[in-house]
Amino acid sequence: MTILTVPKDNPWMNARALAIKTGAVLGDLLANRVFGNRPVTLTGYSLGSLVIFEALKHLASLPPSKTAHLIQDVFLYGAPVSADPEKWVGVRRVVSGRLVNGYSNDDYVLAVLSRMSDTTWKVAGLESVDVQGIENICCEEVEGHTRWRWMVGKCLEKSQAQGLVPEQVRAQMMTQPTVQEIEIEDP
C-alpha cells in the first residue's frame, strides 16, 4: 500500500498556515474592538473564508460578555474548512445574525487541496454544513475554485445579502476571463 505524503512547505500549506495565524490576529483585533463598537459583517472566499472562520473560532474561545454584539453577519464561500458540525457550533454562537456557508460541488481544486492538508473528507466549501442556524447556499454557477473571485457578488445576491449594488455585481462578473483566455495564459 502506497501512502501519499505531502511536503509541509508547499505553497498551499504555507498560505493555509498564514491564513490560520491571520485569523487569530483578526479575532483578537475584533475582540479588542479595534475597528469600533458597531457590529461588523464579514465576507470571504477561499483562504479569506478560512481567515474569518479562524477569527470566529478565536472569538468563540472568549467569554460571551467579550464577544456580544460584535459580529452581525458572516458569508463564507468556498471555505477550506471542515464541515464537521462540532467545529461550527461554537462559531455560530458568536454571530448574532446570519452565518452563510456558500459551497460548490464542482470545486475540484478545493477538494484536492483541502483533503491533502486536512484529515477530513467533509469540506464546507464543497457541501452543506448540518448545524442549526447555518444557512447553506449551493453556488452551482461557480465552476472551479478560481471562479470564486468573479462570482462572490453573484453569490452574495443569491444569499440575499443586504447592501449590494447590482451594477457593481454585474461589473465584477464582466471582468471574468473566459476559459480560452485562462488556457492561453497557462502554458
N, C-alpha and C. Protein backbone atom coordinates (compact mmCIF):
# COMPACT_ATOMS: atom_id res chain seq x y z
N MET A 1 0.84 -1.17 0.00
CA MET A 1 0.00 0.00 0.00
C MET A 1 0.89 1.24 0.00
N THR A 2 0.64 2.14 -0.93
CA THR A 2 1.39 3.38 -1.04
C THR A 2 0.64 4.49 -0.34
N ILE A 3 1.33 5.23 0.49
CA ILE A 3 0.73 6.36 1.19
C ILE A 3 1.32 7.64 0.62
N LEU A 4 0.44 8.52 0.19
CA LEU A 4 0.87 9.80 -0.36
C LEU A 4 1.21 10.74 0.78
N THR A 5 2.42 11.26 0.77
CA THR A 5 2.79 12.26 1.76
C THR A 5 2.99 13.59 1.05
N VAL A 6 2.54 14.63 1.67
CA VAL A 6 2.61 15.96 1.09
C VAL A 6 3.63 16.77 1.88
N PRO A 7 4.60 17.37 1.18
CA PRO A 7 5.57 18.19 1.90
C PRO A 7 4.87 19.35 2.59
N LYS A 8 5.32 19.68 3.78
CA LYS A 8 4.70 20.75 4.56
C LYS A 8 5.06 22.14 4.05
N ASP A 9 5.97 22.22 3.08
CA ASP A 9 6.39 23.54 2.61
C ASP A 9 5.86 23.87 1.22
N ASN A 10 4.76 23.21 0.80
CA ASN A 10 4.21 23.57 -0.49
C ASN A 10 3.42 24.88 -0.36
N PRO A 11 3.20 25.60 -1.45
CA PRO A 11 2.55 26.92 -1.37
C PRO A 11 1.18 26.90 -0.70
N TRP A 12 0.36 25.87 -0.96
CA TRP A 12 -0.96 25.80 -0.34
C TRP A 12 -0.84 25.68 1.18
N MET A 13 0.02 24.81 1.65
CA MET A 13 0.18 24.61 3.09
C MET A 13 0.72 25.88 3.76
N ASN A 14 1.64 26.55 3.09
CA ASN A 14 2.17 27.81 3.64
C ASN A 14 1.08 28.87 3.72
N ALA A 15 0.31 29.01 2.65
CA ALA A 15 -0.78 30.00 2.64
C ALA A 15 -1.84 29.65 3.68
N ARG A 16 -2.14 28.38 3.81
CA ARG A 16 -3.13 27.93 4.79
C ARG A 16 -2.66 28.23 6.22
N ALA A 17 -1.39 27.96 6.49
CA ALA A 17 -0.84 28.24 7.82
C ALA A 17 -0.89 29.74 8.13
N LEU A 18 -0.59 30.56 7.13
CA LEU A 18 -0.66 32.02 7.33
C LEU A 18 -2.10 32.47 7.54
N ALA A 19 -3.04 31.87 6.82
CA ALA A 19 -4.45 32.23 6.98
C ALA A 19 -4.93 31.91 8.40
N ILE A 20 -4.50 30.79 8.93
CA ILE A 20 -4.89 30.41 10.29
C ILE A 20 -4.32 31.41 11.31
N LYS A 21 -3.07 31.79 11.14
CA LYS A 21 -2.46 32.78 12.04
C LYS A 21 -3.14 34.14 11.89
N THR A 22 -3.42 34.52 10.66
CA THR A 22 -4.09 35.80 10.41
C THR A 22 -5.48 35.82 11.05
N GLY A 23 -6.16 34.69 11.00
CA GLY A 23 -7.47 34.60 11.63
C GLY A 23 -7.42 34.85 13.13
N ALA A 24 -6.40 34.31 13.78
CA ALA A 24 -6.24 34.54 15.23
C ALA A 24 -6.00 36.02 15.50
N VAL A 25 -5.20 36.66 14.65
CA VAL A 25 -4.93 38.10 14.81
C VAL A 25 -6.22 38.90 14.58
N LEU A 26 -6.95 38.57 13.52
CA LEU A 26 -8.22 39.26 13.25
C LEU A 26 -9.18 39.09 14.41
N GLY A 27 -9.28 37.88 14.94
CA GLY A 27 -10.16 37.62 16.08
C GLY A 27 -9.78 38.48 17.28
N ASP A 28 -8.49 38.61 17.53
CA ASP A 28 -8.03 39.44 18.64
C ASP A 28 -8.35 40.92 18.40
N LEU A 29 -8.14 41.38 17.17
CA LEU A 29 -8.46 42.78 16.85
C LEU A 29 -9.96 43.05 17.01
N LEU A 30 -10.78 42.11 16.56
CA LEU A 30 -12.23 42.27 16.71
C LEU A 30 -12.63 42.28 18.18
N ALA A 31 -12.07 41.35 18.96
CA ALA A 31 -12.40 41.26 20.39
C ALA A 31 -12.02 42.53 21.14
N ASN A 32 -10.94 43.15 20.72
CA ASN A 32 -10.50 44.39 21.36
C ASN A 32 -11.13 45.63 20.74
N ARG A 33 -12.08 45.40 19.85
CA ARG A 33 -12.87 46.45 19.20
C ARG A 33 -12.01 47.54 18.55
N VAL A 34 -10.93 47.09 17.92
CA VAL A 34 -10.04 48.00 17.22
C VAL A 34 -10.76 48.69 16.06
N PHE A 35 -11.75 48.00 15.48
CA PHE A 35 -12.49 48.56 14.36
C PHE A 35 -13.72 49.35 14.79
N GLY A 36 -13.88 49.56 16.09
CA GLY A 36 -15.02 50.30 16.61
C GLY A 36 -15.98 49.39 17.34
N ASN A 37 -17.07 49.96 17.80
CA ASN A 37 -18.02 49.22 18.61
C ASN A 37 -19.24 48.72 17.84
N ARG A 38 -19.37 49.12 16.60
CA ARG A 38 -20.52 48.67 15.81
C ARG A 38 -20.29 47.24 15.35
N PRO A 39 -21.35 46.44 15.25
CA PRO A 39 -21.21 45.07 14.75
C PRO A 39 -20.71 45.07 13.30
N VAL A 40 -19.91 44.10 12.95
CA VAL A 40 -19.36 44.02 11.60
C VAL A 40 -19.95 42.82 10.84
N THR A 41 -19.92 42.93 9.52
CA THR A 41 -20.27 41.84 8.64
C THR A 41 -18.99 41.41 7.94
N LEU A 42 -18.73 40.12 7.94
CA LEU A 42 -17.50 39.58 7.35
C LEU A 42 -17.85 38.72 6.15
N THR A 43 -17.12 38.92 5.05
CA THR A 43 -17.32 38.14 3.83
C THR A 43 -15.97 37.71 3.30
N GLY A 44 -15.86 36.44 2.90
CA GLY A 44 -14.62 35.97 2.32
C GLY A 44 -14.83 34.74 1.47
N TYR A 45 -13.86 34.48 0.61
CA TYR A 45 -13.88 33.26 -0.18
C TYR A 45 -12.49 32.63 -0.12
N SER A 46 -12.44 31.34 -0.31
CA SER A 46 -11.21 30.56 -0.29
C SER A 46 -10.47 30.78 1.02
N LEU A 47 -9.19 31.14 0.94
CA LEU A 47 -8.40 31.32 2.17
C LEU A 47 -8.90 32.50 3.00
N GLY A 48 -9.55 33.46 2.36
CA GLY A 48 -10.15 34.57 3.11
C GLY A 48 -11.25 34.07 4.03
N SER A 49 -11.99 33.07 3.58
CA SER A 49 -13.03 32.49 4.45
C SER A 49 -12.40 31.69 5.58
N LEU A 50 -11.23 31.10 5.33
CA LEU A 50 -10.51 30.41 6.41
C LEU A 50 -10.05 31.41 7.46
N VAL A 51 -9.57 32.58 7.04
CA VAL A 51 -9.18 33.63 7.98
C VAL A 51 -10.36 34.00 8.86
N ILE A 52 -11.52 34.21 8.26
CA ILE A 52 -12.72 34.59 9.00
C ILE A 52 -13.14 33.47 9.95
N PHE A 53 -13.13 32.24 9.48
CA PHE A 53 -13.52 31.11 10.32
C PHE A 53 -12.60 31.00 11.54
N GLU A 54 -11.31 31.18 11.32
CA GLU A 54 -10.35 31.12 12.44
C GLU A 54 -10.58 32.28 13.41
N ALA A 55 -10.93 33.46 12.89
CA ALA A 55 -11.25 34.60 13.76
C ALA A 55 -12.48 34.28 14.62
N LEU A 56 -13.49 33.66 14.00
CA LEU A 56 -14.68 33.27 14.75
C LEU A 56 -14.35 32.22 15.81
N LYS A 57 -13.48 31.28 15.47
CA LYS A 57 -13.05 30.28 16.46
C LYS A 57 -12.36 30.95 17.64
N HIS A 58 -11.53 31.94 17.35
CA HIS A 58 -10.86 32.68 18.43
C HIS A 58 -11.90 33.39 19.31
N LEU A 59 -12.85 34.04 18.67
CA LEU A 59 -13.88 34.75 19.43
C LEU A 59 -14.72 33.77 20.26
N ALA A 60 -14.98 32.59 19.72
CA ALA A 60 -15.77 31.59 20.44
C ALA A 60 -15.05 31.07 21.68
N SER A 61 -13.73 31.21 21.71
CA SER A 61 -12.96 30.76 22.87
C SER A 61 -12.99 31.78 24.01
N LEU A 62 -13.51 32.97 23.74
CA LEU A 62 -13.57 34.04 24.73
C LEU A 62 -14.91 34.01 25.46
N PRO A 63 -14.99 34.65 26.61
CA PRO A 63 -16.28 34.71 27.32
C PRO A 63 -17.32 35.46 26.47
N PRO A 64 -18.57 35.02 26.51
CA PRO A 64 -19.62 35.68 25.72
C PRO A 64 -19.74 37.18 26.01
N SER A 65 -19.44 37.60 27.21
CA SER A 65 -19.53 39.03 27.54
C SER A 65 -18.55 39.86 26.71
N LYS A 66 -17.46 39.25 26.28
CA LYS A 66 -16.45 39.97 25.49
C LYS A 66 -16.80 39.99 24.00
N THR A 67 -17.67 39.08 23.55
CA THR A 67 -17.95 38.97 22.12
C THR A 67 -19.39 39.34 21.75
N ALA A 68 -20.19 39.72 22.73
CA ALA A 68 -21.60 40.04 22.46
C ALA A 68 -21.71 41.23 21.51
N HIS A 69 -22.60 41.11 20.53
CA HIS A 69 -22.90 42.19 19.58
C HIS A 69 -21.68 42.63 18.79
N LEU A 70 -20.78 41.72 18.54
CA LEU A 70 -19.55 42.05 17.82
C LEU A 70 -19.65 41.72 16.33
N ILE A 71 -20.21 40.55 16.01
CA ILE A 71 -20.32 40.09 14.63
C ILE A 71 -21.80 40.03 14.25
N GLN A 72 -22.17 40.74 13.19
CA GLN A 72 -23.55 40.71 12.72
C GLN A 72 -23.77 39.53 11.79
N ASP A 73 -23.25 39.61 10.56
CA ASP A 73 -23.44 38.55 9.57
C ASP A 73 -22.08 38.07 9.06
N VAL A 74 -22.05 36.80 8.62
CA VAL A 74 -20.84 36.22 8.05
C VAL A 74 -21.22 35.44 6.81
N PHE A 75 -20.48 35.68 5.72
CA PHE A 75 -20.69 34.99 4.45
C PHE A 75 -19.37 34.34 4.06
N LEU A 76 -19.34 33.01 4.06
CA LEU A 76 -18.14 32.26 3.70
C LEU A 76 -18.41 31.48 2.41
N TYR A 77 -17.52 31.63 1.44
CA TYR A 77 -17.69 30.96 0.15
C TYR A 77 -16.43 30.16 -0.18
N GLY A 78 -16.64 28.91 -0.61
CA GLY A 78 -15.52 28.06 -0.98
C GLY A 78 -14.53 27.88 0.16
N ALA A 79 -15.06 27.72 1.35
CA ALA A 79 -14.21 27.67 2.55
C ALA A 79 -13.44 26.35 2.67
N PRO A 80 -12.12 26.42 2.78
CA PRO A 80 -11.32 25.22 3.01
C PRO A 80 -11.32 24.86 4.50
N VAL A 81 -12.52 24.59 4.99
CA VAL A 81 -12.77 24.36 6.42
C VAL A 81 -13.56 23.06 6.54
N SER A 82 -13.32 22.33 7.59
CA SER A 82 -14.06 21.10 7.83
C SER A 82 -15.56 21.40 7.96
N ALA A 83 -16.39 20.52 7.42
CA ALA A 83 -17.84 20.65 7.56
C ALA A 83 -18.35 19.94 8.81
N ASP A 84 -17.44 19.51 9.66
CA ASP A 84 -17.79 18.81 10.90
C ASP A 84 -18.63 19.74 11.78
N PRO A 85 -19.85 19.33 12.12
CA PRO A 85 -20.74 20.19 12.93
C PRO A 85 -20.11 20.67 14.23
N GLU A 86 -19.29 19.85 14.87
CA GLU A 86 -18.67 20.26 16.13
C GLU A 86 -17.82 21.51 15.97
N LYS A 87 -17.20 21.69 14.82
CA LYS A 87 -16.36 22.86 14.58
C LYS A 87 -17.18 24.12 14.32
N TRP A 88 -18.44 23.94 13.91
CA TRP A 88 -19.29 25.07 13.54
C TRP A 88 -20.20 25.54 14.67
N VAL A 89 -20.49 24.70 15.63
CA VAL A 89 -21.41 25.07 16.71
C VAL A 89 -20.88 26.27 17.49
N GLY A 90 -19.61 26.25 17.83
CA GLY A 90 -19.02 27.35 18.60
C GLY A 90 -18.99 28.66 17.84
N VAL A 91 -18.63 28.59 16.55
CA VAL A 91 -18.57 29.83 15.78
C VAL A 91 -19.96 30.40 15.55
N ARG A 92 -20.96 29.55 15.50
CA ARG A 92 -22.33 30.04 15.33
C ARG A 92 -22.75 30.92 16.50
N ARG A 93 -22.25 30.60 17.68
CA ARG A 93 -22.60 31.35 18.89
C ARG A 93 -22.18 32.82 18.81
N VAL A 94 -21.07 33.12 18.15
CA VAL A 94 -20.57 34.50 18.16
C VAL A 94 -21.15 35.36 17.04
N VAL A 95 -21.94 34.76 16.15
CA VAL A 95 -22.56 35.52 15.06
C VAL A 95 -24.00 35.78 15.43
N SER A 96 -24.34 37.07 15.60
CA SER A 96 -25.70 37.39 16.05
C SER A 96 -26.72 37.33 14.92
N GLY A 97 -26.29 37.50 13.69
CA GLY A 97 -27.20 37.46 12.54
C GLY A 97 -27.06 36.18 11.75
N ARG A 98 -26.80 36.33 10.47
CA ARG A 98 -26.73 35.19 9.56
C ARG A 98 -25.31 34.64 9.44
N LEU A 99 -25.21 33.33 9.38
CA LEU A 99 -23.94 32.66 9.09
C LEU A 99 -24.19 31.79 7.86
N VAL A 100 -23.62 32.22 6.72
CA VAL A 100 -23.88 31.57 5.44
C VAL A 100 -22.66 30.80 4.98
N ASN A 101 -22.87 29.55 4.61
CA ASN A 101 -21.84 28.71 4.00
C ASN A 101 -22.20 28.54 2.53
N GLY A 102 -21.44 29.22 1.65
CA GLY A 102 -21.64 29.07 0.22
C GLY A 102 -20.68 28.02 -0.30
N TYR A 103 -21.21 27.04 -1.02
CA TYR A 103 -20.36 25.95 -1.48
C TYR A 103 -20.64 25.63 -2.94
N SER A 104 -19.69 24.94 -3.56
CA SER A 104 -19.84 24.49 -4.94
C SER A 104 -19.40 23.04 -5.02
N ASN A 105 -20.23 22.22 -5.62
CA ASN A 105 -19.88 20.80 -5.79
C ASN A 105 -18.82 20.60 -6.86
N ASP A 106 -18.59 21.60 -7.72
CA ASP A 106 -17.67 21.47 -8.84
C ASP A 106 -16.29 22.08 -8.57
N ASP A 107 -15.91 22.21 -7.33
CA ASP A 107 -14.64 22.85 -6.98
C ASP A 107 -13.58 21.77 -6.70
N TYR A 108 -13.05 21.21 -7.78
CA TYR A 108 -12.11 20.11 -7.63
C TYR A 108 -10.77 20.54 -7.04
N VAL A 109 -10.37 21.78 -7.30
CA VAL A 109 -9.13 22.29 -6.71
C VAL A 109 -9.25 22.32 -5.19
N LEU A 110 -10.37 22.85 -4.71
CA LEU A 110 -10.59 22.88 -3.26
C LEU A 110 -10.65 21.46 -2.69
N ALA A 111 -11.28 20.56 -3.41
CA ALA A 111 -11.39 19.18 -2.94
C ALA A 111 -10.01 18.55 -2.74
N VAL A 112 -9.15 18.71 -3.71
CA VAL A 112 -7.82 18.11 -3.63
C VAL A 112 -6.98 18.80 -2.56
N LEU A 113 -6.93 20.12 -2.59
CA LEU A 113 -6.08 20.85 -1.65
C LEU A 113 -6.52 20.68 -0.20
N SER A 114 -7.82 20.76 0.04
CA SER A 114 -8.31 20.63 1.41
C SER A 114 -8.09 19.24 1.96
N ARG A 115 -8.36 18.26 1.16
CA ARG A 115 -8.21 16.88 1.63
C ARG A 115 -6.75 16.49 1.74
N MET A 116 -5.89 17.20 1.04
CA MET A 116 -4.46 16.96 1.12
C MET A 116 -3.89 17.53 2.42
N SER A 117 -4.52 18.60 2.92
CA SER A 117 -3.96 19.31 4.06
C SER A 117 -4.73 19.07 5.35
N ASP A 118 -5.82 18.32 5.30
CA ASP A 118 -6.65 18.09 6.48
C ASP A 118 -6.99 16.61 6.54
N THR A 119 -7.40 16.17 7.70
CA THR A 119 -7.71 14.76 7.85
C THR A 119 -9.17 14.44 7.57
N THR A 120 -9.95 15.43 7.22
CA THR A 120 -11.38 15.21 6.99
C THR A 120 -11.70 15.20 5.50
N TRP A 121 -12.72 14.42 5.13
CA TRP A 121 -13.18 14.40 3.75
C TRP A 121 -14.36 15.35 3.57
N LYS A 122 -14.91 15.85 4.67
CA LYS A 122 -16.05 16.76 4.59
C LYS A 122 -15.52 18.19 4.63
N VAL A 123 -15.72 18.92 3.53
CA VAL A 123 -15.20 20.28 3.40
C VAL A 123 -16.38 21.22 3.18
N ALA A 124 -16.46 22.27 3.99
CA ALA A 124 -17.60 23.20 3.94
C ALA A 124 -17.74 23.86 2.57
N GLY A 125 -16.66 24.14 1.89
CA GLY A 125 -16.73 24.78 0.58
C GLY A 125 -17.24 23.86 -0.51
N LEU A 126 -17.43 22.57 -0.17
CA LEU A 126 -17.89 21.58 -1.14
C LEU A 126 -19.28 21.03 -0.83
N GLU A 127 -19.76 21.27 0.37
CA GLU A 127 -21.04 20.69 0.79
C GLU A 127 -21.66 21.51 1.91
N SER A 128 -22.89 21.18 2.22
CA SER A 128 -23.59 21.90 3.28
C SER A 128 -23.06 21.48 4.65
N VAL A 129 -23.26 22.38 5.61
CA VAL A 129 -22.88 22.13 7.00
C VAL A 129 -24.17 21.93 7.77
N ASP A 130 -24.29 20.79 8.41
CA ASP A 130 -25.54 20.42 9.07
C ASP A 130 -25.53 20.88 10.53
N VAL A 131 -25.74 22.18 10.73
CA VAL A 131 -25.82 22.79 12.06
C VAL A 131 -26.97 23.78 12.05
N GLN A 132 -27.77 23.73 13.09
CA GLN A 132 -28.90 24.67 13.18
C GLN A 132 -28.36 26.09 13.17
N GLY A 133 -28.97 26.94 12.35
CA GLY A 133 -28.57 28.33 12.28
C GLY A 133 -27.54 28.63 11.19
N ILE A 134 -27.04 27.59 10.53
CA ILE A 134 -26.13 27.79 9.40
C ILE A 134 -26.98 27.73 8.13
N GLU A 135 -26.88 28.77 7.30
CA GLU A 135 -27.57 28.78 6.02
C GLU A 135 -26.62 28.27 4.95
N ASN A 136 -27.00 27.24 4.26
CA ASN A 136 -26.18 26.66 3.21
C ASN A 136 -26.73 27.09 1.85
N ILE A 137 -25.86 27.68 1.03
CA ILE A 137 -26.24 28.14 -0.30
C ILE A 137 -25.37 27.41 -1.32
N CYS A 138 -26.00 26.61 -2.18
CA CYS A 138 -25.26 25.93 -3.23
C CYS A 138 -25.04 26.92 -4.38
N CYS A 139 -23.79 27.21 -4.65
CA CYS A 139 -23.43 28.17 -5.70
C CYS A 139 -22.98 27.39 -6.93
N GLU A 140 -23.93 26.72 -7.59
CA GLU A 140 -23.60 25.85 -8.71
C GLU A 140 -23.04 26.62 -9.90
N GLU A 141 -23.25 27.94 -9.93
CA GLU A 141 -22.70 28.74 -11.03
C GLU A 141 -21.19 28.94 -10.94
N VAL A 142 -20.60 28.58 -9.80
CA VAL A 142 -19.15 28.68 -9.64
C VAL A 142 -18.54 27.36 -10.12
N GLU A 143 -17.90 27.43 -11.27
CA GLU A 143 -17.33 26.23 -11.89
C GLU A 143 -15.82 26.23 -11.70
N GLY A 144 -15.38 25.83 -10.54
CA GLY A 144 -13.95 25.77 -10.25
C GLY A 144 -13.54 26.83 -9.24
N HIS A 145 -12.51 26.52 -8.51
CA HIS A 145 -12.08 27.37 -7.40
C HIS A 145 -11.64 28.76 -7.84
N THR A 146 -11.00 28.87 -8.99
CA THR A 146 -10.53 30.18 -9.44
C THR A 146 -11.67 31.11 -9.84
N ARG A 147 -12.87 30.59 -9.98
CA ARG A 147 -14.02 31.41 -10.37
C ARG A 147 -14.68 32.15 -9.21
N TRP A 148 -14.37 31.78 -7.97
CA TRP A 148 -14.98 32.47 -6.82
C TRP A 148 -14.71 33.97 -6.89
N ARG A 149 -13.53 34.33 -7.33
CA ARG A 149 -13.13 35.75 -7.38
C ARG A 149 -14.15 36.61 -8.12
N TRP A 150 -14.69 36.09 -9.21
CA TRP A 150 -15.62 36.87 -10.02
C TRP A 150 -17.07 36.61 -9.67
N MET A 151 -17.32 35.59 -8.88
CA MET A 151 -18.69 35.18 -8.61
C MET A 151 -19.18 35.52 -7.20
N VAL A 152 -18.31 36.07 -6.37
CA VAL A 152 -18.71 36.36 -4.98
C VAL A 152 -19.90 37.31 -4.94
N GLY A 153 -19.88 38.35 -5.75
CA GLY A 153 -21.01 39.28 -5.77
C GLY A 153 -22.31 38.58 -6.14
N LYS A 154 -22.26 37.72 -7.16
CA LYS A 154 -23.45 36.98 -7.59
C LYS A 154 -23.91 36.03 -6.48
N CYS A 155 -22.97 35.41 -5.79
CA CYS A 155 -23.33 34.51 -4.69
C CYS A 155 -23.89 35.29 -3.50
N LEU A 156 -23.39 36.49 -3.27
CA LEU A 156 -23.96 37.34 -2.22
C LEU A 156 -25.39 37.72 -2.58
N GLU A 157 -25.64 37.99 -3.87
CA GLU A 157 -27.02 38.26 -4.31
C GLU A 157 -27.90 37.04 -4.06
N LYS A 158 -27.39 35.88 -4.41
CA LYS A 158 -28.15 34.64 -4.22
C LYS A 158 -28.43 34.41 -2.72
N SER A 159 -27.50 34.85 -1.88
CA SER A 159 -27.64 34.72 -0.43
C SER A 159 -28.52 35.82 0.16
N GLN A 160 -28.96 36.74 -0.69
CA GLN A 160 -29.78 37.88 -0.28
C GLN A 160 -29.10 38.74 0.78
N ALA A 161 -27.80 38.96 0.57
CA ALA A 161 -27.05 39.86 1.46
C ALA A 161 -27.53 41.29 1.23
N GLN A 162 -27.56 42.04 2.29
CA GLN A 162 -28.02 43.42 2.19
C GLN A 162 -26.88 44.34 1.78
N GLY A 163 -27.24 45.45 1.14
CA GLY A 163 -26.27 46.48 0.81
C GLY A 163 -25.52 46.28 -0.49
N LEU A 164 -25.92 45.33 -1.30
CA LEU A 164 -25.23 45.12 -2.58
C LEU A 164 -25.68 46.14 -3.61
N VAL A 165 -24.77 46.50 -4.50
CA VAL A 165 -25.09 47.39 -5.60
C VAL A 165 -25.09 46.52 -6.86
N PRO A 166 -26.28 46.29 -7.44
CA PRO A 166 -26.38 45.38 -8.60
C PRO A 166 -25.43 45.71 -9.74
N GLU A 167 -25.20 46.99 -10.02
CA GLU A 167 -24.30 47.38 -11.10
C GLU A 167 -22.87 46.91 -10.82
N GLN A 168 -22.45 46.97 -9.57
CA GLN A 168 -21.11 46.51 -9.21
C GLN A 168 -20.99 44.99 -9.31
N VAL A 169 -22.05 44.29 -8.98
CA VAL A 169 -22.06 42.82 -9.11
C VAL A 169 -21.90 42.45 -10.58
N ARG A 170 -22.66 43.11 -11.46
CA ARG A 170 -22.55 42.83 -12.90
C ARG A 170 -21.17 43.20 -13.42
N ALA A 171 -20.62 44.33 -12.97
CA ALA A 171 -19.29 44.74 -13.41
C ALA A 171 -18.24 43.73 -12.97
N GLN A 172 -18.37 43.19 -11.77
CA GLN A 172 -17.44 42.17 -11.29
C GLN A 172 -17.47 40.94 -12.18
N MET A 173 -18.65 40.52 -12.55
CA MET A 173 -18.79 39.32 -13.39
C MET A 173 -18.27 39.57 -14.81
N MET A 174 -18.36 40.79 -15.30
CA MET A 174 -17.91 41.11 -16.66
C MET A 174 -16.39 41.05 -16.79
N THR A 175 -15.66 41.18 -15.69
CA THR A 175 -14.20 41.14 -15.74
C THR A 175 -13.67 39.70 -15.74
N GLN A 176 -14.56 38.74 -15.61
CA GLN A 176 -14.18 37.33 -15.56
C GLN A 176 -13.62 36.87 -16.92
N PRO A 177 -12.44 36.28 -16.91
CA PRO A 177 -11.90 35.80 -18.18
C PRO A 177 -12.63 34.54 -18.65
N THR A 178 -12.58 34.31 -19.94
CA THR A 178 -13.19 33.09 -20.48
C THR A 178 -12.23 31.92 -20.26
N VAL A 179 -12.73 30.72 -20.44
CA VAL A 179 -11.90 29.53 -20.29
C VAL A 179 -10.74 29.58 -21.29
N GLN A 180 -11.00 30.06 -22.51
CA GLN A 180 -9.96 30.14 -23.53
C GLN A 180 -8.86 31.10 -23.10
N GLU A 181 -9.23 32.24 -22.50
CA GLU A 181 -8.22 33.20 -22.04
C GLU A 181 -7.35 32.61 -20.94
N ILE A 182 -7.95 31.83 -20.06
CA ILE A 182 -7.19 31.19 -18.99
C ILE A 182 -6.23 30.16 -19.58
N GLU A 183 -6.69 29.37 -20.55
CA GLU A 183 -5.83 28.37 -21.17
C GLU A 183 -4.67 29.00 -21.90
N ILE A 184 -4.87 30.16 -22.54
CA ILE A 184 -3.79 30.85 -23.24
C ILE A 184 -2.74 31.32 -22.25
N GLU A 185 -3.16 31.85 -21.10
CA GLU A 185 -2.22 32.33 -20.08
C GLU A 185 -1.44 31.21 -19.44
N ASP A 186 -2.03 30.02 -19.35
CA ASP A 186 -1.43 28.90 -18.65
C ASP A 186 -0.78 27.95 -19.66
N PRO A 187 0.55 28.07 -19.86
CA PRO A 187 1.22 27.23 -20.88
C PRO A 187 1.24 25.76 -20.51
